[in-house]
N, C-alpha and C. Protein backbone atom coordinates (compact mmCIF):
# COMPACT_ATOMS: atom_id res chain seq x y z
N MET A 1 137.71 181.76 91.14
CA MET A 1 138.46 182.94 91.14
C MET A 1 139.36 183.40 91.79
N ILE A 2 138.49 183.76 93.06
CA ILE A 2 139.07 184.49 94.08
C ILE A 2 140.06 183.85 95.02
N PHE A 3 140.16 182.03 94.61
CA PHE A 3 141.11 181.38 95.52
C PHE A 3 142.48 181.42 94.65
N GLY A 4 141.98 181.81 93.18
CA GLY A 4 143.18 181.27 92.41
C GLY A 4 143.86 182.79 92.19
N LEU A 5 143.32 184.16 92.46
CA LEU A 5 143.86 185.13 92.55
C LEU A 5 144.73 185.36 93.77
N ALA A 6 144.43 184.59 94.75
CA ALA A 6 144.57 185.04 96.21
C ALA A 6 145.90 184.02 96.15
N ALA A 7 145.98 182.63 95.40
CA ALA A 7 147.44 182.07 95.47
C ALA A 7 147.92 182.38 94.51
N ALA A 8 147.77 183.07 93.61
CA ALA A 8 149.04 183.75 92.77
C ALA A 8 149.64 185.08 93.42
N LEU A 9 148.62 185.63 93.90
CA LEU A 9 149.35 186.72 94.77
C LEU A 9 150.29 186.42 95.85
N GLN A 10 149.90 185.21 96.22
CA GLN A 10 150.73 184.35 97.38
C GLN A 10 151.88 183.49 97.06
N GLY A 11 151.90 183.76 95.73
CA GLY A 11 152.78 183.25 94.79
C GLY A 11 153.25 181.37 95.15
N GLY A 12 151.97 180.95 94.99
CA GLY A 12 151.37 179.92 94.74
C GLY A 12 151.39 179.21 93.65
N ALA A 13 151.60 179.99 92.72
CA ALA A 13 151.44 179.84 91.02
C ALA A 13 152.63 179.61 90.49
N ALA A 14 152.93 178.69 89.39
CA ALA A 14 154.39 178.93 88.55
C ALA A 14 154.62 180.44 88.04
N ASP A 15 153.33 180.78 87.78
CA ASP A 15 153.51 182.43 86.89
C ASP A 15 152.22 183.08 87.16
N PRO A 16 152.90 184.03 88.34
CA PRO A 16 151.64 184.77 89.22
C PRO A 16 151.06 185.81 88.74
N GLY A 17 151.71 186.43 87.58
CA GLY A 17 151.45 187.60 86.84
C GLY A 17 150.27 186.98 85.87
N ALA A 18 150.47 186.14 85.44
CA ALA A 18 149.40 185.02 84.36
C ALA A 18 148.17 184.59 85.30
N ALA A 19 148.47 184.13 86.31
CA ALA A 19 147.35 183.63 87.04
C ALA A 19 146.17 184.70 87.63
N ALA A 20 147.25 186.19 88.00
CA ALA A 20 146.35 187.09 88.27
C ALA A 20 145.76 187.83 86.95
N ARG A 21 146.15 187.80 86.12
CA ARG A 21 145.85 188.31 85.05
C ARG A 21 144.56 187.16 84.65
N ASP A 22 144.59 186.22 84.63
CA ASP A 22 143.57 185.19 84.39
C ASP A 22 142.17 185.56 85.48
N ALA A 23 142.62 185.57 86.48
CA ALA A 23 141.57 185.69 87.42
C ALA A 23 140.66 187.10 87.20
N ILE A 24 141.42 188.07 87.10
CA ILE A 24 140.86 189.26 87.06
C ILE A 24 140.08 189.30 85.65
N SER A 25 140.40 188.83 84.50
CA SER A 25 139.63 188.64 83.20
C SER A 25 138.43 187.83 83.74
N GLY A 26 138.44 186.82 84.34
CA GLY A 26 137.26 186.37 84.95
C GLY A 26 136.54 187.02 85.70
N PHE A 27 137.01 187.99 86.56
CA PHE A 27 136.19 189.22 87.30
C PHE A 27 135.21 190.39 86.39
N ASP A 28 136.49 190.77 85.23
CA ASP A 28 135.92 191.11 84.06
C ASP A 28 134.75 190.89 83.09
N ALA A 29 134.86 189.53 83.36
CA ALA A 29 133.36 188.71 82.43
C ALA A 29 132.38 188.07 83.25
N SER A 30 132.41 188.50 84.76
CA SER A 30 131.50 188.46 85.66
C SER A 30 130.87 189.77 85.62
N LEU A 31 131.50 190.55 85.96
CA LEU A 31 130.99 192.40 85.93
C LEU A 31 130.41 192.42 84.55
N GLU A 32 131.02 192.50 83.33
CA GLU A 32 130.36 192.50 81.99
C GLU A 32 128.68 192.02 82.00
N SER A 33 129.07 190.69 82.60
CA SER A 33 127.62 189.77 82.59
C SER A 33 126.50 190.45 83.43
N ALA A 34 127.02 190.86 84.65
CA ALA A 34 126.01 191.66 85.80
C ALA A 34 125.52 193.20 85.24
N ASN A 35 126.55 194.01 84.30
CA ASN A 35 126.17 195.04 83.83
C ASN A 35 125.34 194.65 82.67
N ARG A 36 125.13 193.57 82.00
CA ARG A 36 124.51 193.42 80.93
C ARG A 36 123.23 193.13 81.20
N GLY A 37 123.23 192.18 82.58
CA GLY A 37 121.88 191.84 83.40
C GLY A 37 120.93 192.74 83.61
N GLN A 38 122.42 193.79 84.13
CA GLN A 38 121.41 195.17 85.04
C GLN A 38 120.63 196.27 83.80
N THR A 39 121.47 196.54 82.36
CA THR A 39 120.95 197.31 81.62
C THR A 39 119.50 196.44 80.91
N ILE A 40 119.43 195.45 80.84
CA ILE A 40 118.72 194.90 80.54
C ILE A 40 117.04 194.54 81.41
N LEU A 41 117.42 194.73 82.53
CA LEU A 41 116.44 194.67 83.76
C LEU A 41 116.14 196.18 83.76
N GLY A 42 116.93 196.98 83.75
CA GLY A 42 116.42 198.49 83.58
C GLY A 42 115.54 198.73 82.31
N ALA A 43 116.03 198.21 80.92
CA ALA A 43 115.20 198.57 79.86
C ALA A 43 113.96 198.13 80.22
N ARG A 44 113.44 196.64 80.83
CA ARG A 44 112.45 196.33 81.09
C ARG A 44 111.29 197.07 81.90
N ILE A 45 112.09 197.85 82.87
CA ILE A 45 111.70 198.09 83.86
C ILE A 45 111.06 199.53 83.34
N ALA A 46 111.44 200.49 82.42
CA ALA A 46 111.66 201.54 81.84
C ALA A 46 110.38 201.23 81.10
N TRP A 47 110.55 200.13 79.95
CA TRP A 47 109.22 199.83 79.15
C TRP A 47 107.61 199.62 80.25
N VAL A 48 108.14 198.67 81.23
CA VAL A 48 106.58 198.77 82.18
C VAL A 48 106.26 200.30 82.52
N GLU A 49 107.21 200.67 83.32
CA GLU A 49 106.64 202.57 83.66
C GLU A 49 106.08 203.11 82.66
N THR A 50 107.05 202.68 81.09
CA THR A 50 106.12 203.86 79.89
C THR A 50 104.66 203.16 79.91
N LEU A 51 104.54 202.02 79.93
CA LEU A 51 103.25 201.31 79.94
C LEU A 51 101.98 201.94 81.06
N GLN A 52 102.48 201.74 82.42
CA GLN A 52 101.69 202.01 83.15
C GLN A 52 101.45 203.53 82.59
N GLN A 53 102.38 204.73 82.46
CA GLN A 53 102.05 205.77 82.31
C GLN A 53 101.22 205.98 81.25
N SER A 54 101.30 205.21 80.18
CA SER A 54 99.93 205.23 79.37
C SER A 54 98.67 204.63 79.52
N GLN A 55 98.51 203.69 80.42
CA GLN A 55 97.43 203.16 80.54
C GLN A 55 96.71 204.23 81.86
N LEU A 56 97.47 205.13 82.63
CA LEU A 56 96.99 205.94 83.26
C LEU A 56 96.75 207.17 82.63
N ASP A 57 97.14 207.39 81.64
CA ASP A 57 96.85 208.77 80.41
C ASP A 57 95.67 208.28 80.15
N ARG A 58 95.36 207.00 79.39
CA ARG A 58 94.40 206.69 78.90
C ARG A 58 92.75 206.39 79.86
N SER A 59 93.18 206.00 80.95
CA SER A 59 92.21 205.89 82.22
C SER A 59 91.76 207.55 82.45
N LEU A 60 92.98 208.54 82.50
CA LEU A 60 92.28 209.84 82.90
C LEU A 60 91.70 210.58 81.72
N THR A 61 92.29 210.60 80.41
CA THR A 61 91.51 210.71 79.16
C THR A 61 89.61 210.14 79.17
N ARG A 62 89.78 208.79 79.32
CA ARG A 62 88.42 208.00 79.47
C ARG A 62 87.32 208.56 80.47
N ALA A 63 88.27 208.81 81.65
CA ALA A 63 87.25 209.80 82.39
C ALA A 63 86.91 210.96 81.94
N GLU A 64 87.65 211.95 81.76
CA GLU A 64 87.53 213.16 81.14
C GLU A 64 86.23 213.49 80.23
N GLU A 65 86.66 212.31 79.34
CA GLU A 65 85.19 211.87 78.12
C GLU A 65 84.28 211.64 78.94
N GLN A 66 84.08 210.70 79.61
CA GLN A 66 82.75 210.55 80.18
C GLN A 66 82.32 211.79 80.78
N ALA A 67 83.14 212.63 81.65
CA ALA A 67 82.44 213.76 82.37
C ALA A 67 81.95 214.85 81.25
N ASP A 68 82.54 214.79 80.44
CA ASP A 68 82.02 215.70 78.85
C ASP A 68 80.48 215.16 78.58
N VAL A 69 80.88 213.79 78.05
CA VAL A 69 79.63 213.35 77.78
C VAL A 69 78.23 213.25 78.81
N GLY A 70 78.79 213.62 80.19
CA GLY A 70 77.79 213.28 81.55
C GLY A 70 77.50 211.97 81.49
N GLY A 71 77.87 211.59 82.60
CA GLY A 71 77.81 210.01 82.54
C GLY A 71 75.87 209.81 83.07
N VAL A 72 75.53 208.93 82.76
CA VAL A 72 74.22 208.67 83.31
C VAL A 72 73.77 207.94 84.66
N GLU A 73 73.11 208.58 85.32
CA GLU A 73 72.49 208.07 86.58
C GLU A 73 71.09 206.94 86.30
N LEU A 74 71.70 206.01 86.43
CA LEU A 74 70.68 204.86 85.88
C LEU A 74 69.27 205.05 86.50
N THR A 75 68.85 205.71 87.74
CA THR A 75 67.77 205.34 88.15
C THR A 75 67.24 206.90 87.64
N GLU A 76 67.74 207.91 87.50
CA GLU A 76 67.57 209.05 86.81
C GLU A 76 66.79 208.73 86.03
N ALA A 77 67.87 208.09 84.57
CA ALA A 77 67.20 207.63 83.49
C ALA A 77 65.98 206.67 82.94
N ILE A 78 66.18 205.75 83.96
CA ILE A 78 64.70 204.87 84.20
C ILE A 78 63.42 205.73 84.75
N ALA A 79 63.63 206.89 85.34
CA ALA A 79 62.71 207.49 85.78
C ALA A 79 61.90 208.34 84.65
N GLN A 80 63.05 208.83 84.26
CA GLN A 80 62.60 209.86 83.15
C GLN A 80 61.98 209.07 81.94
N LEU A 81 62.46 207.98 81.38
CA LEU A 81 61.82 207.24 80.54
C LEU A 81 60.40 206.75 80.75
N GLN A 82 60.19 206.40 82.15
CA GLN A 82 59.04 205.94 82.43
C GLN A 82 57.92 207.26 82.29
N GLN A 83 58.20 208.46 82.60
CA GLN A 83 57.64 209.44 82.42
C GLN A 83 57.22 210.08 81.21
N THR A 84 58.24 209.64 80.29
CA THR A 84 58.03 210.08 79.05
C THR A 84 57.52 208.83 78.35
N LEU A 85 57.30 207.85 78.60
CA LEU A 85 56.34 206.82 78.28
C LEU A 85 55.11 207.12 78.46
N THR A 86 54.92 207.52 79.63
CA THR A 86 53.48 207.66 80.17
C THR A 86 52.66 208.72 79.37
N VAL A 87 53.40 209.73 79.08
CA VAL A 87 53.01 210.91 78.59
C VAL A 87 52.75 210.76 76.94
N LEU A 88 53.42 209.58 76.24
CA LEU A 88 52.89 209.02 75.25
C LEU A 88 52.02 208.27 75.18
N GLU A 89 51.72 207.42 76.02
CA GLU A 89 50.40 206.55 76.19
C GLU A 89 49.21 207.65 76.24
N ALA A 90 49.21 208.44 76.76
CA ALA A 90 48.19 209.26 77.34
C ALA A 90 47.96 210.24 75.82
N THR A 91 48.92 210.30 75.02
CA THR A 91 49.08 211.24 74.16
C THR A 91 48.24 210.56 72.74
N GLN A 92 48.55 209.07 72.87
CA GLN A 92 48.12 208.32 71.91
C GLN A 92 46.90 207.98 72.38
N ALA A 93 46.42 207.71 73.40
CA ALA A 93 45.03 207.40 73.97
C ALA A 93 43.92 208.96 73.62
N SER A 94 44.58 210.04 73.71
CA SER A 94 43.77 211.20 73.30
C SER A 94 43.76 211.20 71.75
N PHE A 95 44.63 211.16 71.41
CA PHE A 95 44.47 211.41 69.63
C PHE A 95 43.43 209.92 68.98
N GLY A 96 43.54 208.91 69.79
CA GLY A 96 42.49 207.97 69.21
C GLY A 96 41.39 208.49 69.28
N ARG A 97 41.05 208.81 70.42
CA ARG A 97 39.45 209.53 71.08
C ARG A 97 39.31 210.71 70.18
N LEU A 98 40.16 211.79 69.59
CA LEU A 98 39.62 212.69 68.67
C LEU A 98 39.67 212.54 67.38
N SER A 99 40.36 211.44 66.97
CA SER A 99 40.26 211.04 65.45
C SER A 99 39.14 210.10 65.10
N SER A 100 38.55 209.64 66.23
CA SER A 100 36.99 208.79 65.79
C SER A 100 35.96 209.78 65.43
N LEU A 101 36.23 210.99 66.44
CA LEU A 101 35.12 212.07 66.32
C LEU A 101 35.19 212.81 64.79
N SER A 102 33.34 213.26 64.53
CA SER A 102 33.30 213.70 63.46
C SER A 102 32.21 214.96 63.47
N LEU A 103 32.42 215.27 62.28
CA LEU A 103 31.13 216.20 62.50
C LEU A 103 29.70 216.18 62.78
N PHE A 104 29.39 215.11 62.32
CA PHE A 104 28.01 214.51 62.91
C PHE A 104 27.98 214.40 64.82
N ASP A 105 29.39 213.66 64.99
CA ASP A 105 28.82 213.36 66.38
C ASP A 105 28.72 214.82 67.45
N ALA A 106 29.45 215.95 66.54
CA ALA A 106 29.30 217.33 67.63
C ALA A 106 28.14 217.68 66.93
N ILE A 107 27.13 217.23 66.31
CA ILE A 107 25.64 217.90 66.03
C ILE A 107 24.56 217.24 66.87
């Protein structure tokens, strides 16, 4: 295209005006194709940025909800469960001994 335009401008073509128009129309088609590609790429980048922002928003929301619920410390939860089980076993053992007593045992 460039060589054809240069030749047309230097008078190396039978119809320099037509050759120049043909070369310029080729440039226009190339520019239009580049603009179309840039538009598509821009739309895809905008879509990716929108998805990234959406994921960031969801991540922040999840972190806030987890903080509101009160994230569980695993070691604390296990220790508290063990303590509760110990109290439960002691209570069950006491109840078993108390329920086996009768009025005759007290006399």
